[in-house]
Amino acid sequence: MNRSQNLRRMQYAVRGEVVIRADAMAAEGRKIIYTNIGNPHAVGQKPITYYRQVLSLCDLPPECGVDNPTVASGFPADVVERAREL
């Protein structure tokens, strides 16, 4: 198989040079905020609860989600309404 040289040199960014350097700086006592790992909470962002709740209701069969008689006890009304729209 003929593979691109760029593909052969590709690195997974979470383990790449930037993280190695950041780890070295942390070992020197510097404060590092790792923003490349996909964790918005690490940089002080609020959880994206609304979107997660809507998606969870959309992923369920209606009888277990938006059409379940107890859905209002587990999800806010705006979440249920949006999931029904979708």
PDB file of N, CA and C in Angstrom:
ATOM      1  N   MET A   1       0.843  -1.175   0.000  1.00  0.00           N
ATOM      2  CA  MET A   1       0.000   0.000   0.000  1.00  0.00           C
ATOM      3  C   MET A   1       0.889   1.239   0.000  1.00  0.00           C
ATOM      4  N   ASN A   2       0.525   2.199  -0.802  1.00  0.00           N
ATOM      5  CA  ASN A   2       1.278   3.435  -0.906  1.00  0.00           C
ATOM      6  C   ASN A   2       0.623   4.489  -0.016  1.00  0.00           C
ATOM      7  N   ARG A   3       1.283   4.808   1.097  1.00  0.00           N
ATOM      8  CA  ARG A   3       0.711   5.775   2.037  1.00  0.00           C
ATOM      9  C   ARG A   3       1.390   7.122   1.892  1.00  0.00           C
ATOM     10  N   SER A   4       0.606   8.151   2.105  1.00  0.00           N
ATOM     11  CA  SER A   4       1.132   9.505   2.076  1.00  0.00           C
ATOM     12  C   SER A   4       2.145   9.692   3.209  1.00  0.00           C
ATOM     13  N   GLN A   5       3.233  10.390   2.918  1.00  0.00           N
ATOM     14  CA  GLN A   5       4.232  10.664   3.947  1.00  0.00           C
ATOM     15  C   GLN A   5       3.643  11.543   5.054  1.00  0.00           C
ATOM     16  N   ASN A   6       2.718  12.425   4.688  1.00  0.00           N
ATOM     17  CA  ASN A   6       2.061  13.247   5.709  1.00  0.00           C
ATOM     18  C   ASN A   6       1.266  12.392   6.677  1.00  0.00           C
ATOM     19  N   LEU A   7       0.613  11.362   6.159  1.00  0.00           N
ATOM     20  CA  LEU A   7      -0.144  10.461   7.011  1.00  0.00           C
ATOM     21  C   LEU A   7       0.792   9.708   7.955  1.00  0.00           C
ATOM     22  N   ARG A   8       1.935   9.310   7.462  1.00  0.00           N
ATOM     23  CA  ARG A   8       2.905   8.604   8.305  1.00  0.00           C
ATOM     24  C   ARG A   8       3.439   9.477   9.426  1.00  0.00           C
ATOM     25  N   ARG A   9       3.564  10.787   9.174  1.00  0.00           N
ATOM     26  CA  ARG A   9       4.106  11.704  10.184  1.00  0.00           C
ATOM     27  C   ARG A   9       3.037  12.288  11.106  1.00  0.00           C
ATOM     28  N   MET A  10       1.782  12.019  10.802  1.00  0.00           N
ATOM     29  CA  MET A  10       0.691  12.581  11.582  1.00  0.00           C
ATOM     30  C   MET A  10       0.762  12.117  13.032  1.00  0.00           C
ATOM     31  N   GLN A  11       0.409  13.027  13.957  1.00  0.00           N
ATOM     32  CA  GLN A  11       0.399  12.699  15.375  1.00  0.00           C
ATOM     33  C   GLN A  11      -0.972  12.992  15.956  1.00  0.00           C
ATOM     34  N   TYR A  12      -1.312  12.244  16.966  1.00  0.00           N
ATOM     35  CA  TYR A  12      -2.522  12.512  17.723  1.00  0.00           C
ATOM     36  C   TYR A  12      -2.216  13.701  18.620  1.00  0.00           C
ATOM     37  N   ALA A  13      -2.915  14.822  18.416  1.00  0.00           N
ATOM     38  CA  ALA A  13      -2.568  16.097  19.047  1.00  0.00           C
ATOM     39  C   ALA A  13      -2.529  16.043  20.566  1.00  0.00           C
ATOM     40  N   VAL A  14      -3.380  15.244  21.177  1.00  0.00           N
ATOM     41  CA  VAL A  14      -3.408  15.189  22.634  1.00  0.00           C
ATOM     42  C   VAL A  14      -2.091  14.635  23.181  1.00  0.00           C
ATOM     43  N   ARG A  15      -1.362  13.912  22.376  1.00  0.00           N
ATOM     44  CA  ARG A  15      -0.092  13.335  22.817  1.00  0.00           C
ATOM     45  C   ARG A  15       1.106  13.962  22.102  1.00  0.00           C
ATOM     46  N   GLY A  16       0.871  15.026  21.377  1.00  0.00           N
ATOM     47  CA  GLY A  16       1.911  15.624  20.553  1.00  0.00           C
ATOM     48  C   GLY A  16       2.856  16.559  21.290  1.00  0.00           C
ATOM     49  N   GLU A  17       3.622  17.303  20.507  1.00  0.00           N
ATOM     50  CA  GLU A  17       4.658  18.187  21.033  1.00  0.00           C
ATOM     51  C   GLU A  17       4.120  19.244  21.986  1.00  0.00           C
ATOM     52  N   VAL A  18       2.944  19.765  21.705  1.00  0.00           N
ATOM     53  CA  VAL A  18       2.380  20.815  22.554  1.00  0.00           C
ATOM     54  C   VAL A  18       2.144  20.288  23.970  1.00  0.00           C
ATOM     55  N   VAL A  19       1.565  19.105  24.079  1.00  0.00           N
ATOM     56  CA  VAL A  19       1.296  18.541  25.399  1.00  0.00           C
ATOM     57  C   VAL A  19       2.592  18.164  26.106  1.00  0.00           C
ATOM     58  N   ILE A  20       3.554  17.662  25.359  1.00  0.00           N
ATOM     59  CA  ILE A  20       4.849  17.326  25.965  1.00  0.00           C
ATOM     60  C   ILE A  20       5.495  18.574  26.551  1.00  0.00           C
ATOM     61  N   ARG A  21       5.459  19.664  25.803  1.00  0.00           N
ATOM     62  CA  ARG A  21       6.013  20.936  26.289  1.00  0.00           C
ATOM     63  C   ARG A  21       5.222  21.459  27.478  1.00  0.00           C
ATOM     64  N   ALA A  22       3.901  21.360  27.419  1.00  0.00           N
ATOM     65  CA  ALA A  22       3.058  21.809  28.534  1.00  0.00           C
ATOM     66  C   ALA A  22       3.349  21.006  29.789  1.00  0.00           C
ATOM     67  N   ASP A  23       3.547  19.710  29.645  1.00  0.00           N
ATOM     68  CA  ASP A  23       3.889  18.879  30.799  1.00  0.00           C
ATOM     69  C   ASP A  23       5.226  19.300  31.408  1.00  0.00           C
ATOM     70  N   ALA A  24       6.176  19.623  30.552  1.00  0.00           N
ATOM     71  CA  ALA A  24       7.483  20.083  31.039  1.00  0.00           C
ATOM     72  C   ALA A  24       7.341  21.408  31.791  1.00  0.00           C
ATOM     73  N   MET A  25       6.519  22.306  31.260  1.00  0.00           N
ATOM     74  CA  MET A  25       6.295  23.594  31.923  1.00  0.00           C
ATOM     75  C   MET A  25       5.572  23.400  33.258  1.00  0.00           C
ATOM     76  N   ALA A  26       4.631  22.474  33.304  1.00  0.00           N
ATOM     77  CA  ALA A  26       3.928  22.173  34.552  1.00  0.00           C
ATOM     78  C   ALA A  26       4.899  21.620  35.586  1.00  0.00           C
ATOM     79  N   ALA A  27       5.847  20.802  35.136  1.00  0.00           N
ATOM     80  CA  ALA A  27       6.854  20.250  36.043  1.00  0.00           C
ATOM     81  C   ALA A  27       7.750  21.348  36.617  1.00  0.00           C
ATOM     82  N   GLU A  28       7.862  22.471  35.896  1.00  0.00           N
ATOM     83  CA  GLU A  28       8.641  23.626  36.367  1.00  0.00           C
ATOM     84  C   GLU A  28       7.824  24.506  37.308  1.00  0.00           C
ATOM     85  N   GLY A  29       6.568  24.126  37.533  1.00  0.00           N
ATOM     86  CA  GLY A  29       5.726  24.882  38.447  1.00  0.00           C
ATOM     87  C   GLY A  29       4.791  25.875  37.793  1.00  0.00           C
ATOM     88  N   ARG A  30       4.755  25.913  36.477  1.00  0.00           N
ATOM     89  CA  ARG A  30       3.869  26.854  35.778  1.00  0.00           C
ATOM     90  C   ARG A  30       2.467  26.269  35.694  1.00  0.00           C
ATOM     91  N   LYS A  31       1.462  27.140  35.772  1.00  0.00           N
ATOM     92  CA  LYS A  31       0.074  26.699  35.685  1.00  0.00           C
ATOM     93  C   LYS A  31      -0.299  26.533  34.211  1.00  0.00           C
ATOM     94  N   ILE A  32      -0.822  25.375  33.878  1.00  0.00           N
ATOM     95  CA  ILE A  32      -1.192  25.065  32.501  1.00  0.00           C
ATOM     96  C   ILE A  32      -2.683  24.753  32.455  1.00  0.00           C
ATOM     97  N   ILE A  33      -3.373  25.346  31.507  1.00  0.00           N
ATOM     98  CA  ILE A  33      -4.776  25.010  31.259  1.00  0.00           C
ATOM     99  C   ILE A  33      -4.819  24.276  29.930  1.00  0.00           C
ATOM    100  N   TYR A  34      -5.125  23.004  29.994  1.00  0.00           N
ATOM    101  CA  TYR A  34      -5.154  22.172  28.795  1.00  0.00           C
ATOM    102  C   TYR A  34      -6.469  22.392  28.066  1.00  0.00           C
ATOM    103  N   THR A  35      -6.450  23.193  27.014  1.00  0.00           N
ATOM    104  CA  THR A  35      -7.667  23.502  26.267  1.00  0.00           C
ATOM    105  C   THR A  35      -7.844  22.627  25.032  1.00  0.00           C
ATOM    106  N   ASN A  36      -6.934  21.729  24.787  1.00  0.00           N
ATOM    107  CA  ASN A  36      -7.003  20.903  23.579  1.00  0.00           C
ATOM    108  C   ASN A  36      -7.624  19.544  23.827  1.00  0.00           C
ATOM    109  N   ILE A  37      -8.143  19.295  25.011  1.00  0.00           N
ATOM    110  CA  ILE A  37      -8.630  17.952  25.316  1.00  0.00           C
ATOM    111  C   ILE A  37     -10.143  17.832  25.261  1.00  0.00           C
ATOM    112  N   GLY A  38     -10.811  18.899  24.849  1.00  0.00           N
ATOM    113  CA  GLY A  38     -12.254  18.826  24.685  1.00  0.00           C
ATOM    114  C   GLY A  38     -13.041  18.889  25.980  1.00  0.00           C
ATOM    115  N   ASN A  39     -12.453  19.425  27.035  1.00  0.00           N
ATOM    116  CA  ASN A  39     -13.145  19.538  28.308  1.00  0.00           C
ATOM    117  C   ASN A  39     -13.432  21.005  28.594  1.00  0.00           C
ATOM    118  N   PRO A  40     -14.629  21.493  28.245  1.00  0.00           N
ATOM    119  CA  PRO A  40     -14.927  22.910  28.447  1.00  0.00           C
ATOM    120  C   PRO A  40     -14.927  23.320  29.913  1.00  0.00           C
ATOM    121  N   HIS A  41     -15.130  22.372  30.810  1.00  0.00           N
ATOM    122  CA  HIS A  41     -15.150  22.693  32.233  1.00  0.00           C
ATOM    123  C   HIS A  41     -13.771  23.094  32.736  1.00  0.00           C
ATOM    124  N   ALA A  42     -12.739  22.631  32.080  1.00  0.00           N
ATOM    125  CA  ALA A  42     -11.367  22.962  32.485  1.00  0.00           C
ATOM    126  C   ALA A  42     -11.069  24.439  32.323  1.00  0.00           C
ATOM    127  N   VAL A  43     -11.813  25.110  31.446  1.00  0.00           N
ATOM    128  CA  VAL A  43     -11.589  26.540  31.232  1.00  0.00           C
ATOM    129  C   VAL A  43     -12.747  27.378  31.759  1.00  0.00           C
ATOM    130  N   GLY A  44     -13.559  26.781  32.631  1.00  0.00           N
ATOM    131  CA  GLY A  44     -14.603  27.528  33.306  1.00  0.00           C
ATOM    132  C   GLY A  44     -15.922  27.673  32.586  1.00  0.00           C
ATOM    133  N   GLN A  45     -16.116  26.952  31.494  1.00  0.00           N
ATOM    134  CA  GLN A  45     -17.397  27.044  30.787  1.00  0.00           C
ATOM    135  C   GLN A  45     -18.468  26.263  31.529  1.00  0.00           C
ATOM    136  N   LYS A  46     -19.699  26.734  31.432  1.00  0.00           N
ATOM    137  CA  LYS A  46     -20.813  26.038  32.056  1.00  0.00           C
ATOM    138  C   LYS A  46     -21.125  24.766  31.273  1.00  0.00           C
ATOM    139  N   PRO A  47     -21.660  23.766  31.962  1.00  0.00           N
ATOM    140  CA  PRO A  47     -22.051  22.531  31.265  1.00  0.00           C
ATOM    141  C   PRO A  47     -23.107  22.804  30.201  1.00  0.00           C
ATOM    142  N   ILE A  48     -23.098  22.029  29.151  1.00  0.00           N
ATOM    143  CA  ILE A  48     -24.069  22.192  28.067  1.00  0.00           C
ATOM    144  C   ILE A  48     -25.255  21.244  28.303  1.00  0.00           C
ATOM    145  N   THR A  49     -25.799  21.348  29.492  1.00  0.00           N
ATOM    146  CA  THR A  49     -26.858  20.452  29.938  1.00  0.00           C
ATOM    147  C   THR A  49     -28.075  20.473  29.034  1.00  0.00           C
ATOM    148  N   TYR A  50     -28.541  21.652  28.653  1.00  0.00           N
ATOM    149  CA  TYR A  50     -29.746  21.771  27.824  1.00  0.00           C
ATOM    150  C   TYR A  50     -29.630  20.917  26.562  1.00  0.00           C
ATOM    151  N   TYR A  51     -28.536  21.071  25.842  1.00  0.00           N
ATOM    152  CA  TYR A  51     -28.354  20.346  24.578  1.00  0.00           C
ATOM    153  C   TYR A  51     -28.240  18.842  24.814  1.00  0.00           C
ATOM    154  N   ARG A  52     -27.563  18.469  25.875  1.00  0.00           N
ATOM    155  CA  ARG A  52     -27.439  17.038  26.188  1.00  0.00           C
ATOM    156  C   ARG A  52     -28.793  16.427  26.518  1.00  0.00           C
ATOM    157  N   GLN A  53     -29.604  17.176  27.268  1.00  0.00           N
ATOM    158  CA  GLN A  53     -30.917  16.664  27.626  1.00  0.00           C
ATOM    159  C   GLN A  53     -31.823  16.543  26.397  1.00  0.00           C
ATOM    160  N   VAL A  54     -31.813  17.545  25.539  1.00  0.00           N
ATOM    161  CA  VAL A  54     -32.621  17.488  24.321  1.00  0.00           C
ATOM    162  C   VAL A  54     -32.194  16.299  23.462  1.00  0.00           C
ATOM    163  N   LEU A  55     -30.896  16.144  23.280  1.00  0.00           N
ATOM    164  CA  LEU A  55     -30.410  15.027  22.458  1.00  0.00           C
ATOM    165  C   LEU A  55     -30.762  13.677  23.072  1.00  0.00           C
ATOM    166  N   SER A  56     -30.706  13.592  24.394  1.00  0.00           N
ATOM    167  CA  SER A  56     -31.043  12.312  25.021  1.00  0.00           C
ATOM    168  C   SER A  56     -32.507  11.960  24.796  1.00  0.00           C
ATOM    169  N   LEU A  57     -33.395  12.961  24.875  1.00  0.00           N
ATOM    170  CA  LEU A  57     -34.809  12.689  24.604  1.00  0.00           C
ATOM    171  C   LEU A  57     -35.050  12.341  23.145  1.00  0.00           C
ATOM    172  N   CYS A  58     -34.327  12.979  22.247  1.00  0.00           N
ATOM    173  CA  CYS A  58     -34.482  12.682  20.817  1.00  0.00           C
ATOM    174  C   CYS A  58     -33.976  11.293  20.469  1.00  0.00           C
ATOM    175  N   ASP A  59     -33.025  10.809  21.231  1.00  0.00           N
ATOM    176  CA  ASP A  59     -32.425   9.508  20.954  1.00  0.00           C
ATOM    177  C   ASP A  59     -33.306   8.348  21.442  1.00  0.00           C
ATOM    178  N   LEU A  60     -34.173   8.639  22.396  1.00  0.00           N
ATOM    179  CA  LEU A  60     -35.034   7.589  22.948  1.00  0.00           C
ATOM    180  C   LEU A  60     -36.271   7.378  22.084  1.00  0.00           C
ATOM    181  N   PRO A  61     -36.832   6.187  22.116  1.00  0.00           N
ATOM    182  CA  PRO A  61     -38.146   6.001  21.479  1.00  0.00           C
ATOM    183  C   PRO A  61     -39.145   6.911  22.202  1.00  0.00           C
ATOM    184  N   PRO A  62     -40.108   7.480  21.493  1.00  0.00           N
ATOM    185  CA  PRO A  62     -41.049   8.430  22.113  1.00  0.00           C
ATOM    186  C   PRO A  62     -41.702   7.915  23.391  1.00  0.00           C
ATOM    187  N   GLU A  63     -42.074   6.648  23.423  1.00  0.00           N
ATOM    188  CA  GLU A  63     -42.754   6.111  24.613  1.00  0.00           C
ATOM    189  C   GLU A  63     -41.854   6.084  25.852  1.00  0.00           C
ATOM    190  N   CYS A  64     -40.562   6.130  25.626  1.00  0.00           N
ATOM    191  CA  CYS A  64     -39.616   6.179  26.742  1.00  0.00           C
ATOM    192  C   CYS A  64     -39.116   7.594  27.012  1.00  0.00           C
ATOM    193  N   GLY A  65     -39.384   8.509  26.089  1.00  0.00           N
ATOM    194  CA  GLY A  65     -38.874   9.871  26.198  1.00  0.00           C
ATOM    195  C   GLY A  65     -39.984  10.896  26.256  1.00  0.00           C
ATOM    196  N   VAL A  66     -40.157  11.647  25.162  1.00  0.00           N
ATOM    197  CA  VAL A  66     -41.080  12.787  25.165  1.00  0.00           C
ATOM    198  C   VAL A  66     -42.539  12.406  25.412  1.00  0.00           C
ATOM    199  N   ASP A  67     -42.948  11.210  25.059  1.00  0.00           N
ATOM    200  CA  ASP A  67     -44.334  10.791  25.268  1.00  0.00           C
ATOM    201  C   ASP A  67     -44.536  10.000  26.564  1.00  0.00           C
ATOM    202  N   ASN A  68     -43.481   9.837  27.327  1.00  0.00           N
ATOM    203  CA  ASN A  68     -43.598   9.122  28.594  1.00  0.00           C
ATOM    204  C   ASN A  68     -44.328  10.005  29.603  1.00  0.00           C
ATOM    205  N   PRO A  69     -45.288   9.464  30.330  1.00  0.00           N
ATOM    206  CA  PRO A  69     -46.056  10.285  31.275  1.00  0.00           C
ATOM    207  C   PRO A  69     -45.210  10.904  32.390  1.00  0.00           C
ATOM    208  N   THR A  70     -44.047  10.355  32.662  1.00  0.00           N
ATOM    209  CA  THR A  70     -43.212  10.887  33.747  1.00  0.00           C
ATOM    210  C   THR A  70     -42.070  11.769  33.246  1.00  0.00           C
ATOM    211  N   VAL A  71     -42.066  12.117  31.967  1.00  0.00           N
ATOM    212  CA  VAL A  71     -40.951  12.879  31.401  1.00  0.00           C
ATOM    213  C   VAL A  71     -40.750  14.215  32.115  1.00  0.00           C
ATOM    214  N   ALA A  72     -41.828  14.851  32.546  1.00  0.00           N
ATOM    215  CA  ALA A  72     -41.731  16.162  33.199  1.00  0.00           C
ATOM    216  C   ALA A  72     -41.036  16.081  34.553  1.00  0.00           C
ATOM    217  N   SER A  73     -40.994  14.910  35.146  1.00  0.00           N
ATOM    218  CA  SER A  73     -40.312  14.786  36.442  1.00  0.00           C
ATOM    219  C   SER A  73     -38.797  14.669  36.276  1.00  0.00           C
ATOM    220  N   GLY A  74     -38.351  14.387  35.067  1.00  0.00           N
ATOM    221  CA  GLY A  74     -36.921  14.216  34.848  1.00  0.00           C
ATOM    222  C   GLY A  74     -36.280  15.263  33.966  1.00  0.00           C
ATOM    223  N   PHE A  75     -37.112  16.038  33.238  1.00  0.00           N
ATOM    224  CA  PHE A  75     -36.575  17.020  32.300  1.00  0.00           C
ATOM    225  C   PHE A  75     -37.345  18.331  32.420  1.00  0.00           C
ATOM    226  N   PRO A  76     -36.658  19.464  32.255  1.00  0.00           N
ATOM    227  CA  PRO A  76     -37.351  20.752  32.255  1.00  0.00           C
ATOM    228  C   PRO A  76     -38.315  20.859  31.067  1.00  0.00           C
ATOM    229  N   ALA A  77     -39.349  21.677  31.238  1.00  0.00           N
ATOM    230  CA  ALA A  77     -40.385  21.819  30.214  1.00  0.00           C
ATOM    231  C   ALA A  77     -39.826  22.295  28.883  1.00  0.00           C
ATOM    232  N   ASP A  78     -38.862  23.234  28.895  1.00  0.00           N
ATOM    233  CA  ASP A  78     -38.319  23.732  27.620  1.00  0.00           C
ATOM    234  C   ASP A  78     -37.541  22.658  26.876  1.00  0.00           C
ATOM    235  N   VAL A  79     -36.925  21.753  27.605  1.00  0.00           N
ATOM    236  CA  VAL A  79     -36.200  20.635  26.985  1.00  0.00           C
ATOM    237  C   VAL A  79     -37.181  19.684  26.304  1.00  0.00           C
ATOM    238  N   VAL A  80     -38.259  19.349  27.007  1.00  0.00           N
ATOM    239  CA  VAL A  80     -39.266  18.446  26.447  1.00  0.00           C
ATOM    240  C   VAL A  80     -39.908  19.071  25.212  1.00  0.00           C
ATOM    241  N   GLU A  81     -40.233  20.365  25.301  1.00  0.00           N
ATOM    242  CA  GLU A  81     -40.837  21.053  24.164  1.00  0.00           C
ATOM    243  C   GLU A  81     -39.924  21.037  22.944  1.00  0.00           C
ATOM    244  N   ARG A  82     -38.648  21.328  23.147  1.00  0.00           N
ATOM    245  CA  ARG A  82     -37.705  21.349  22.020  1.00  0.00           C
ATOM    246  C   ARG A  82     -37.529  19.950  21.433  1.00  0.00           C
ATOM    247  N   ALA A  83     -37.458  18.943  22.266  1.00  0.00           N
ATOM    248  CA  ALA A  83     -37.306  17.569  21.776  1.00  0.00           C
ATOM    249  C   ALA A  83     -38.524  17.155  20.959  1.00  0.00           C
ATOM    250  N   ARG A  84     -39.712  17.603  21.366  1.00  0.00           N
ATOM    251  CA  ARG A  84     -40.931  17.288  20.600  1.00  0.00           C
ATOM    252  C   ARG A  84     -40.899  17.969  19.236  1.00  0.00           C
ATOM    253  N   GLU A  85     -40.351  19.183  19.182  1.00  0.00           N
ATOM    254  CA  GLU A  85     -40.248  19.902  17.907  1.00  0.00           C
ATOM    255  C   GLU A  85     -39.321  19.192  16.933  1.00  0.00           C
ATOM    256  N   LEU A  86     -38.292  18.583  17.467  1.00  0.00           N
ATOM    257  CA  LEU A  86     -37.308  17.931  16.604  1.00  0.00           C
ATOM    258  C   LEU A  86     -37.794  16.557  16.185  1.00  0.00           C
TER     259      LEU A  86
END
